[in-house]
N, C-alpha and C. Protein backbone atom coordinates (compact mmCIF):
# COMPACT_ATOMS: atom_id res chain seq x y z
N MET A 1 -68.62 -43.94 -30.94
CA MET A 1 -67.27 -43.33 -30.81
C MET A 1 -66.91 -42.05 -31.65
N LEU A 2 -67.59 -42.10 -32.97
CA LEU A 2 -67.35 -41.36 -33.91
C LEU A 2 -68.32 -39.91 -33.35
N PHE A 3 -69.47 -40.45 -33.13
CA PHE A 3 -70.29 -39.39 -32.26
C PHE A 3 -69.81 -38.51 -31.46
N SER A 4 -69.09 -39.22 -30.32
CA SER A 4 -68.05 -38.48 -29.51
C SER A 4 -67.13 -37.36 -30.10
N LYS A 5 -66.60 -37.76 -31.17
CA LYS A 5 -65.53 -37.01 -31.62
C LYS A 5 -66.29 -35.67 -32.35
N PHE A 6 -67.59 -35.73 -32.94
CA PHE A 6 -68.09 -34.74 -33.37
C PHE A 6 -68.69 -33.55 -32.65
N LYS A 7 -69.38 -34.36 -31.21
CA LYS A 7 -69.74 -33.73 -30.18
C LYS A 7 -68.53 -32.70 -29.63
N PHE A 8 -67.42 -33.30 -29.12
CA PHE A 8 -66.42 -32.85 -29.01
C PHE A 8 -65.72 -31.49 -29.91
N PHE A 9 -65.65 -31.92 -31.11
CA PHE A 9 -65.54 -30.87 -32.26
C PHE A 9 -66.22 -29.83 -32.13
N TYR A 10 -67.66 -29.70 -32.15
CA TYR A 10 -68.73 -28.99 -32.20
C TYR A 10 -68.70 -28.13 -31.19
N THR A 11 -68.55 -28.80 -29.67
CA THR A 11 -68.29 -28.01 -28.67
C THR A 11 -66.82 -27.25 -28.42
N ILE A 12 -65.88 -27.40 -28.97
CA ILE A 12 -64.79 -26.62 -29.18
C ILE A 12 -64.94 -25.40 -30.26
N VAL A 13 -65.79 -25.62 -31.19
CA VAL A 13 -65.90 -24.75 -32.26
C VAL A 13 -67.13 -23.62 -31.89
N PHE A 14 -67.76 -24.15 -30.94
CA PHE A 14 -69.12 -23.21 -29.99
C PHE A 14 -68.04 -22.63 -29.05
N VAL A 15 -67.09 -23.07 -28.08
CA VAL A 15 -66.23 -22.36 -27.11
C VAL A 15 -65.65 -20.99 -27.87
N ILE A 16 -65.01 -21.49 -29.14
CA ILE A 16 -64.23 -20.69 -29.60
C ILE A 16 -65.10 -19.79 -30.25
N SER A 17 -66.00 -19.72 -31.08
CA SER A 17 -66.65 -18.89 -31.72
C SER A 17 -67.71 -17.90 -30.78
N THR A 18 -67.84 -18.33 -29.60
CA THR A 18 -68.42 -17.56 -28.56
C THR A 18 -67.54 -16.52 -27.74
N SER A 19 -66.27 -17.02 -27.44
CA SER A 19 -64.97 -16.29 -27.25
C SER A 19 -64.84 -15.21 -27.91
N LEU A 20 -64.86 -15.26 -29.35
CA LEU A 20 -64.40 -14.39 -30.25
C LEU A 20 -65.53 -12.98 -30.52
N VAL A 21 -66.86 -13.71 -30.42
CA VAL A 21 -67.95 -12.66 -30.26
C VAL A 21 -67.86 -11.71 -29.11
N THR A 22 -67.54 -12.32 -27.61
CA THR A 22 -67.54 -11.68 -26.49
C THR A 22 -66.10 -10.85 -26.47
N GLN A 23 -65.01 -11.07 -27.51
CA GLN A 23 -64.14 -10.19 -27.07
C GLN A 23 -64.15 -8.80 -27.90
N ALA A 24 -65.15 -8.76 -29.16
CA ALA A 24 -65.43 -8.01 -30.10
C ALA A 24 -67.10 -7.37 -29.64
N SER A 25 -67.43 -7.47 -28.54
CA SER A 25 -68.96 -6.93 -28.46
C SER A 25 -69.04 -5.67 -29.01
N GLU A 26 -70.22 -5.14 -29.47
CA GLU A 26 -70.40 -3.91 -30.10
C GLU A 26 -70.62 -2.84 -29.35
N LEU A 27 -70.08 -1.70 -29.27
CA LEU A 27 -70.31 -0.71 -28.26
C LEU A 27 -71.11 0.47 -29.02
N SER A 28 -71.67 1.23 -27.86
CA SER A 28 -72.16 2.43 -28.48
C SER A 28 -71.07 3.74 -29.03
N ARG A 29 -71.34 4.51 -29.67
CA ARG A 29 -70.08 5.41 -29.87
C ARG A 29 -69.39 6.17 -28.87
N ASP A 30 -70.08 6.41 -27.79
CA ASP A 30 -69.51 7.24 -26.43
C ASP A 30 -68.70 6.05 -25.85
N GLN A 31 -68.98 5.31 -25.81
CA GLN A 31 -68.43 4.08 -25.01
C GLN A 31 -67.10 3.54 -25.92
N PHE A 32 -67.16 3.67 -27.20
CA PHE A 32 -66.02 3.33 -27.80
C PHE A 32 -65.18 4.49 -27.82
N VAL A 33 -65.31 5.80 -27.65
CA VAL A 33 -64.72 6.98 -27.59
C VAL A 33 -63.78 6.79 -26.35
N LYS A 34 -64.28 6.26 -25.12
CA LYS A 34 -63.89 6.15 -23.80
C LYS A 34 -63.03 4.93 -24.22
N GLU A 35 -63.10 3.94 -24.76
CA GLU A 35 -62.14 2.79 -24.95
C GLU A 35 -61.02 3.18 -25.65
N VAL A 36 -61.28 3.74 -27.06
CA VAL A 36 -60.02 4.38 -27.98
C VAL A 36 -59.32 5.15 -27.09
N ALA A 37 -59.71 5.97 -26.20
CA ALA A 37 -58.92 7.04 -25.52
C ALA A 37 -57.73 6.36 -24.92
N LYS A 38 -57.90 5.08 -24.18
CA LYS A 38 -56.79 4.45 -23.79
C LYS A 38 -55.72 3.89 -24.69
N ARG A 39 -56.05 4.19 -25.99
CA ARG A 39 -54.95 3.52 -27.36
C ARG A 39 -54.53 4.60 -27.86
N ILE A 40 -54.78 5.71 -27.41
CA ILE A 40 -54.14 7.05 -28.09
C ILE A 40 -52.52 6.91 -28.06
N GLY A 41 -51.82 7.28 -28.77
CA GLY A 41 -50.20 6.98 -28.65
C GLY A 41 -49.45 6.92 -30.12
N HIS A 42 -48.36 7.15 -29.91
CA HIS A 42 -47.30 6.70 -31.23
C HIS A 42 -47.39 5.14 -31.66
N TYR A 43 -47.28 5.07 -33.06
CA TYR A 43 -47.02 3.78 -33.40
C TYR A 43 -46.30 3.45 -34.54
N GLU A 44 -45.27 2.52 -34.35
CA GLU A 44 -44.48 1.96 -35.24
C GLU A 44 -44.97 1.26 -36.28
N LEU A 45 -44.46 0.96 -37.33
CA LEU A 45 -44.89 0.14 -38.61
C LEU A 45 -43.98 -1.14 -37.71
N VAL A 46 -44.75 -2.20 -38.32
CA VAL A 46 -44.43 -3.76 -38.29
C VAL A 46 -44.20 -4.52 -39.20
N GLY A 47 -43.13 -4.71 -39.54
CA GLY A 47 -43.01 -5.82 -40.85
C GLY A 47 -43.06 -5.12 -41.95
N LYS A 48 -43.20 -5.86 -42.99
CA LYS A 48 -43.33 -5.41 -44.51
C LYS A 48 -44.89 -4.84 -44.78
N ALA A 49 -45.08 -3.81 -45.06
CA ALA A 49 -46.14 -3.54 -45.61
C ALA A 49 -46.53 -2.61 -46.87
N SER A 50 -47.27 -2.03 -47.11
CA SER A 50 -47.84 -1.15 -48.47
C SER A 50 -47.12 0.20 -48.27
N LYS A 51 -46.85 0.78 -49.33
CA LYS A 51 -46.14 1.92 -49.70
C LYS A 51 -47.19 2.71 -49.09
N HIS A 52 -48.39 2.59 -48.61
CA HIS A 52 -49.51 3.51 -48.07
C HIS A 52 -49.15 3.57 -46.49
N CYS A 53 -48.44 2.46 -45.92
CA CYS A 53 -48.38 2.50 -44.42
C CYS A 53 -47.40 3.54 -43.96
N HIS A 54 -47.42 4.16 -42.92
CA HIS A 54 -46.66 5.20 -42.49
C HIS A 54 -46.86 5.22 -40.96
N PRO A 55 -45.66 5.02 -40.27
CA PRO A 55 -45.80 5.36 -38.68
C PRO A 55 -46.50 6.56 -38.23
N GLY A 56 -46.95 6.97 -37.05
CA GLY A 56 -47.24 8.22 -36.60
C GLY A 56 -48.16 8.05 -35.49
N ARG A 57 -48.87 9.18 -34.89
CA ARG A 57 -49.86 8.98 -33.99
C ARG A 57 -51.23 8.64 -34.28
N LEU A 58 -52.08 7.88 -33.17
CA LEU A 58 -53.33 7.90 -33.26
C LEU A 58 -53.69 8.94 -32.37
N LEU A 59 -54.81 9.68 -32.64
CA LEU A 59 -55.09 10.91 -31.57
C LEU A 59 -56.48 11.38 -32.29
N PHE A 60 -57.31 11.81 -31.20
CA PHE A 60 -58.22 12.49 -31.34
C PHE A 60 -58.02 13.94 -32.48
N VAL A 61 -58.82 14.15 -33.44
CA VAL A 61 -58.68 15.65 -34.17
C VAL A 61 -58.63 16.36 -33.21
N ASN A 62 -59.45 16.64 -32.35
CA ASN A 62 -59.83 17.69 -31.33
C ASN A 62 -60.08 16.80 -29.84
N GLU A 63 -58.80 17.18 -28.98
CA GLU A 63 -59.29 16.20 -27.86
C GLU A 63 -60.14 16.66 -27.24
N LYS A 64 -60.59 18.04 -26.94
CA LYS A 64 -61.79 18.52 -26.07
C LYS A 64 -62.96 18.11 -26.98
N LYS A 65 -62.86 17.74 -28.21
CA LYS A 65 -64.54 17.15 -28.92
C LYS A 65 -64.10 16.09 -29.60
N PRO A 66 -64.06 14.86 -28.65
CA PRO A 66 -63.50 13.73 -29.62
C PRO A 66 -64.38 13.10 -30.76
N LEU A 67 -65.31 13.54 -30.97
CA LEU A 67 -66.49 12.74 -31.71
C LEU A 67 -66.33 13.69 -33.19
N GLU A 68 -65.44 14.42 -33.30
CA GLU A 68 -65.03 15.40 -34.45
C GLU A 68 -64.15 14.14 -35.02
N GLY A 69 -63.52 13.08 -34.53
CA GLY A 69 -62.94 12.05 -35.17
C GLY A 69 -61.64 11.78 -34.63
N LEU A 70 -60.95 10.71 -35.32
CA LEU A 70 -59.91 10.13 -35.01
C LEU A 70 -58.64 10.09 -36.49
N ARG A 71 -57.66 10.59 -35.96
CA ARG A 71 -56.51 10.73 -37.31
C ARG A 71 -55.37 9.50 -36.67
N PHE A 72 -54.96 9.29 -37.83
CA PHE A 72 -53.68 8.32 -37.76
C PHE A 72 -52.64 8.84 -38.48
N ALA A 73 -51.60 9.32 -38.18
CA ALA A 73 -50.31 9.40 -39.24
C ALA A 73 -50.71 10.25 -40.33
N ASN A 74 -51.46 11.35 -39.76
CA ASN A 74 -51.82 12.56 -40.73
C ASN A 74 -52.51 11.98 -41.94
N LYS A 75 -52.63 10.69 -42.31
CA LYS A 75 -53.09 10.37 -43.59
C LYS A 75 -54.40 9.60 -43.56
N ILE A 76 -54.74 9.04 -42.24
CA ILE A 76 -56.01 8.39 -41.97
C ILE A 76 -56.85 9.04 -41.22
N PHE A 77 -58.27 9.41 -41.55
CA PHE A 77 -59.22 9.66 -40.93
C PHE A 77 -60.37 9.18 -40.70
N PHE A 78 -61.04 9.08 -39.33
CA PHE A 78 -62.24 8.47 -39.06
C PHE A 78 -63.11 9.31 -38.41
N GLY A 79 -64.34 9.56 -39.20
CA GLY A 79 -65.12 10.85 -38.51
C GLY A 79 -65.70 11.55 -39.59
N PRO A 80 -66.39 12.56 -39.13
CA PRO A 80 -66.98 12.78 -37.51
C PRO A 80 -67.79 11.42 -37.15
N LEU A 81 -67.37 11.06 -36.02
CA LEU A 81 -68.08 9.96 -35.63
C LEU A 81 -69.47 9.82 -35.09
N ALA A 82 -70.13 9.31 -36.02
CA ALA A 82 -71.88 9.62 -36.10
C ALA A 82 -72.19 8.24 -35.05
N LYS A 83 -73.49 8.35 -34.60
CA LYS A 83 -73.80 7.49 -33.77
C LYS A 83 -73.92 6.17 -34.41
N LYS A 84 -74.64 5.60 -35.68
CA LYS A 84 -74.22 4.79 -36.65
C LYS A 84 -74.20 5.02 -38.02
N GLU A 85 -75.07 5.99 -38.64
CA GLU A 85 -74.84 6.61 -39.80
C GLU A 85 -75.33 7.89 -39.52
N SER A 86 -74.85 8.54 -41.11
CA SER A 86 -75.25 10.01 -41.07
C SER A 86 -75.21 10.03 -42.66
N GLU A 87 -76.15 10.84 -43.22
CA GLU A 87 -76.17 11.06 -44.80
C GLU A 87 -76.44 12.37 -44.94
N HIS A 88 -75.56 13.19 -46.08
CA HIS A 88 -75.86 14.32 -46.41
C HIS A 88 -75.82 14.56 -48.13
N ASN A 89 -76.75 15.31 -48.18
CA ASN A 89 -76.64 15.62 -49.93
C ASN A 89 -75.67 16.83 -50.03
N GLU A 90 -74.55 17.09 -51.15
CA GLU A 90 -73.80 17.96 -51.10
C GLU A 90 -74.49 18.76 -52.72
N ASP A 91 -75.05 19.85 -52.65
CA ASP A 91 -75.59 20.46 -53.93
C ASP A 91 -74.53 20.24 -55.20
N GLY A 92 -74.77 19.90 -56.12
CA GLY A 92 -74.31 19.80 -57.49
C GLY A 92 -73.31 19.00 -57.23
N TYR A 93 -73.41 17.74 -56.37
CA TYR A 93 -72.17 16.89 -56.28
C TYR A 93 -73.27 15.43 -56.14
N CYS A 94 -73.05 15.04 -55.04
CA CYS A 94 -73.58 13.59 -54.43
C CYS A 94 -74.24 13.29 -53.15
N SER A 95 -74.91 12.52 -52.87
CA SER A 95 -75.16 12.09 -51.61
C SER A 95 -73.84 11.34 -51.03
N ILE A 96 -73.83 11.43 -49.78
CA ILE A 96 -72.60 10.93 -49.05
C ILE A 96 -73.42 10.22 -47.93
N LEU A 97 -73.14 8.97 -47.39
CA LEU A 97 -73.78 8.31 -46.48
C LEU A 97 -72.72 7.52 -45.76
N GLU A 98 -72.51 7.79 -44.54
CA GLU A 98 -71.42 7.32 -43.47
C GLU A 98 -71.77 6.25 -42.75
N LYS A 99 -71.46 5.17 -42.63
CA LYS A 99 -72.08 4.00 -41.47
C LYS A 99 -70.84 3.74 -40.77
N PHE A 100 -71.17 3.58 -39.46
CA PHE A 100 -70.01 3.32 -38.34
C PHE A 100 -70.64 2.31 -37.70
N LYS A 101 -69.59 1.03 -37.13
CA LYS A 101 -69.45 -0.10 -36.18
C LYS A 101 -68.44 0.33 -35.31
N TYR A 102 -69.10 0.12 -34.03
CA TYR A 102 -67.96 0.21 -32.98
C TYR A 102 -68.08 -0.83 -32.04
N THR A 103 -66.92 -1.69 -31.75
CA THR A 103 -66.85 -2.79 -30.99
C THR A 103 -65.88 -2.26 -30.01
N THR A 104 -65.50 -3.56 -29.11
CA THR A 104 -64.45 -3.11 -27.84
C THR A 104 -63.03 -3.38 -28.39
N ASN A 105 -62.78 -3.90 -29.63
CA ASN A 105 -61.53 -3.36 -30.42
C ASN A 105 -61.25 -3.30 -31.75
N SER A 106 -62.29 -2.46 -31.97
CA SER A 106 -62.58 -1.90 -33.78
C SER A 106 -63.49 -0.86 -33.95
N ILE A 107 -63.31 -0.07 -34.90
CA ILE A 107 -63.97 0.94 -35.53
C ILE A 107 -64.13 0.59 -37.26
N THR A 108 -65.02 0.61 -37.72
CA THR A 108 -65.22 0.39 -39.00
C THR A 108 -66.01 2.00 -39.42
N GLN A 109 -65.70 2.35 -40.53
CA GLN A 109 -66.39 3.15 -41.15
C GLN A 109 -66.27 2.86 -42.60
N THR A 110 -67.67 2.90 -42.98
CA THR A 110 -67.96 2.88 -44.54
C THR A 110 -68.51 3.89 -45.02
N THR A 111 -68.41 4.41 -46.14
CA THR A 111 -68.60 5.55 -46.91
C THR A 111 -69.07 5.35 -48.14
N LYS A 112 -70.05 5.69 -48.49
CA LYS A 112 -70.82 5.41 -50.03
C LYS A 112 -71.06 6.65 -50.45
N VAL A 113 -70.37 7.08 -51.63
CA VAL A 113 -70.76 8.26 -52.53
C VAL A 113 -71.68 7.81 -53.37
N TYR A 114 -72.80 8.38 -54.00
CA TYR A 114 -73.98 7.63 -54.60
C TYR A 114 -74.79 8.82 -55.11
N LYS A 115 -75.55 8.73 -56.19
CA LYS A 115 -76.61 9.44 -56.71
C LYS A 115 -75.98 10.92 -57.12
N CYS A 116 -74.89 10.73 -57.62
CA CYS A 116 -73.89 12.09 -58.38
C CYS A 116 -74.79 12.55 -59.74
N ASP A 117 -74.54 13.76 -59.65
CA ASP A 117 -75.08 14.28 -60.73
C ASP A 117 -74.19 13.87 -61.88
N LYS A 118 -74.47 14.21 -62.98
CA LYS A 118 -74.09 13.55 -64.45
C LYS A 118 -72.31 14.16 -64.50
N ASN A 119 -71.73 15.03 -63.79
CA ASN A 119 -70.60 15.60 -63.89
C ASN A 119 -69.85 14.68 -63.14
N HIS A 120 -70.27 14.28 -62.02
CA HIS A 120 -69.55 13.95 -61.22
C HIS A 120 -69.71 12.18 -60.99
N LYS A 121 -70.55 11.48 -62.07
CA LYS A 121 -70.80 10.02 -61.91
C LYS A 121 -69.55 9.18 -61.80
N GLY A 122 -68.44 9.39 -61.85
CA GLY A 122 -67.17 8.77 -61.66
C GLY A 122 -66.73 8.82 -60.22
N ASP A 123 -67.12 9.64 -59.63
CA ASP A 123 -67.18 9.65 -58.24
C ASP A 123 -67.88 8.54 -57.25
N GLU A 124 -68.86 7.87 -58.03
CA GLU A 124 -69.74 7.40 -57.13
C GLU A 124 -68.64 5.76 -56.86
N ALA A 125 -68.55 5.21 -55.41
CA ALA A 125 -67.97 4.52 -54.73
C ALA A 125 -68.05 4.16 -53.40
N VAL A 126 -67.80 3.23 -53.33
CA VAL A 126 -67.82 2.67 -51.83
C VAL A 126 -66.41 2.63 -51.17
N SER A 127 -66.40 2.87 -50.10
CA SER A 127 -64.81 2.95 -49.18
C SER A 127 -64.98 2.81 -47.72
N THR A 128 -64.28 1.36 -47.27
CA THR A 128 -64.62 0.83 -45.94
C THR A 128 -63.09 0.61 -45.55
N GLN A 129 -62.91 1.69 -44.17
CA GLN A 129 -61.96 1.37 -43.65
C GLN A 129 -62.13 0.81 -42.24
N VAL A 130 -61.13 0.14 -41.62
CA VAL A 130 -61.24 -0.25 -40.22
C VAL A 130 -59.86 -0.40 -39.59
N ILE A 131 -59.93 0.13 -38.37
CA ILE A 131 -58.94 0.16 -37.59
C ILE A 131 -59.33 -0.89 -36.14
N SER A 132 -58.53 -1.77 -36.06
CA SER A 132 -58.34 -2.91 -34.92
C SER A 132 -57.36 -2.98 -33.89
N PHE A 133 -57.79 -3.32 -32.68
CA PHE A 133 -56.58 -3.24 -31.51
C PHE A 133 -56.27 -4.56 -31.30
N ASP A 134 -55.02 -4.95 -31.06
CA ASP A 134 -54.77 -6.34 -29.83
C ASP A 134 -54.04 -5.91 -28.65
N ASP A 135 -54.61 -5.58 -27.98
CA ASP A 135 -54.23 -4.90 -26.69
C ASP A 135 -53.17 -5.68 -26.10
N SER A 136 -53.44 -7.23 -26.41
CA SER A 136 -52.29 -7.97 -25.65
C SER A 136 -51.03 -7.94 -26.26
N LYS A 137 -50.84 -7.34 -27.58
CA LYS A 137 -49.70 -7.20 -28.09
C LYS A 137 -49.52 -5.59 -28.30
N ASN A 138 -50.11 -4.84 -27.71
CA ASN A 138 -50.32 -3.21 -28.34
C ASN A 138 -50.10 -3.13 -29.51
N GLU A 139 -50.91 -3.80 -30.24
CA GLU A 139 -50.86 -3.70 -31.60
C GLU A 139 -51.97 -3.07 -32.28
N LEU A 140 -51.91 -1.96 -33.48
CA LEU A 140 -53.01 -1.69 -33.86
C LEU A 140 -52.72 -2.12 -35.57
N VAL A 141 -53.98 -2.55 -36.12
CA VAL A 141 -53.97 -3.06 -37.78
C VAL A 141 -54.98 -2.08 -38.56
N TYR A 142 -54.75 -1.22 -39.12
CA TYR A 142 -55.21 -0.51 -40.44
C TYR A 142 -55.71 -1.33 -41.55
N LYS A 143 -56.79 -1.33 -42.09
CA LYS A 143 -57.24 -1.70 -43.47
C LYS A 143 -58.04 -0.94 -44.10
N SER A 144 -57.93 -0.82 -45.35
CA SER A 144 -58.53 -0.48 -46.49
C SER A 144 -59.11 -1.34 -47.23
N LEU A 145 -60.16 -1.96 -47.09
CA LEU A 145 -60.84 -3.35 -47.78
C LEU A 145 -60.87 -2.95 -49.05
N GLU A 146 -61.45 -1.80 -49.78
CA GLU A 146 -61.64 -2.08 -51.30
C GLU A 146 -60.33 -1.91 -51.90
N SER A 147 -59.27 -1.27 -51.49
CA SER A 147 -57.90 -1.01 -51.94
C SER A 147 -57.12 -2.04 -51.52
N LYS A 148 -57.39 -3.05 -50.63
CA LYS A 148 -56.64 -4.38 -49.95
C LYS A 148 -55.40 -3.86 -49.50
N ILE A 149 -55.59 -2.82 -48.54
CA ILE A 149 -54.13 -2.13 -48.19
C ILE A 149 -54.21 -2.66 -46.62
N THR A 150 -53.34 -3.17 -46.06
CA THR A 150 -53.13 -3.89 -44.42
C THR A 150 -52.10 -3.22 -44.22
N CYS A 151 -51.89 -2.56 -42.85
CA CYS A 151 -50.85 -1.92 -42.42
C CYS A 151 -50.87 -2.39 -40.66
N LYS A 152 -50.07 -3.01 -40.22
CA LYS A 152 -49.95 -3.39 -38.96
C LYS A 152 -48.65 -2.41 -38.07
N PHE A 153 -49.23 -2.20 -36.71
CA PHE A 153 -48.46 -1.16 -35.86
C PHE A 153 -48.13 -1.57 -34.83
N LYS A 154 -47.25 -1.29 -33.97
CA LYS A 154 -47.06 -1.38 -32.56
C LYS A 154 -46.82 -0.36 -31.49
N ARG A 155 -47.65 -0.09 -30.95
CA ARG A 155 -47.47 0.91 -30.08
C ARG A 155 -46.14 1.28 -29.18
N VAL A 156 -45.89 2.55 -29.19
CA VAL A 156 -44.38 2.49 -28.46
C VAL A 156 -44.22 3.99 -27.77
N PHE A 157 -45.06 4.46 -27.79
CA PHE A 157 -45.45 5.73 -26.80
C PHE A 157 -47.14 5.75 -26.64
N SER A 158 -47.41 5.87 -25.35
CA SER A 158 -48.89 6.13 -25.01
C SER A 158 -48.99 7.66 -25.05
N GLY A 159 -50.34 8.01 -24.93
CA GLY A 159 -51.00 9.12 -24.47
C GLY A 159 -50.29 10.34 -25.00
N ALA A 160 -49.96 11.36 -24.24
CA ALA A 160 -49.03 12.67 -24.31
C ALA A 160 -47.79 12.75 -24.63
N GLN A 161 -47.20 11.38 -24.49
CA GLN A 161 -45.56 11.35 -24.33
C GLN A 161 -45.17 11.67 -25.90
N ARG A 162 -44.12 11.96 -26.07
CA ARG A 162 -43.55 11.68 -27.50
C ARG A 162 -43.78 13.32 -28.08
């Protein structure tokens, strides 16, 4: 009897973990752009949040060139959208590495500033931001991981409305 309880428990855990993995399967950058286009719109703040949370529009920076990035509420920027990662060096400053992860319901951008010249060593840092979507509730959650900021929004208008 004890064995059957464990078997039942592990079966439930497997089913739940499998469904979570399939809900957030990884996408290519181009597939993600098509998916996020369905979520463009105006979002209002839900519940109590950080002073850094502001309602606003989720939109492409340039509608004709969506790979230039996403903007939310004039404060949050994701982009330019690279396939997986991009790196560049700014003379007299630092190296900057941008990594992106795209799934069916989220985008994660990690920015690493490193190898700074001695005058800019204080700028070396890692910053990770995430936007995730819950389509069943028309919700968007923004997180700045290192800053421990979480903001939750509900879509009130979609697309070109408002």
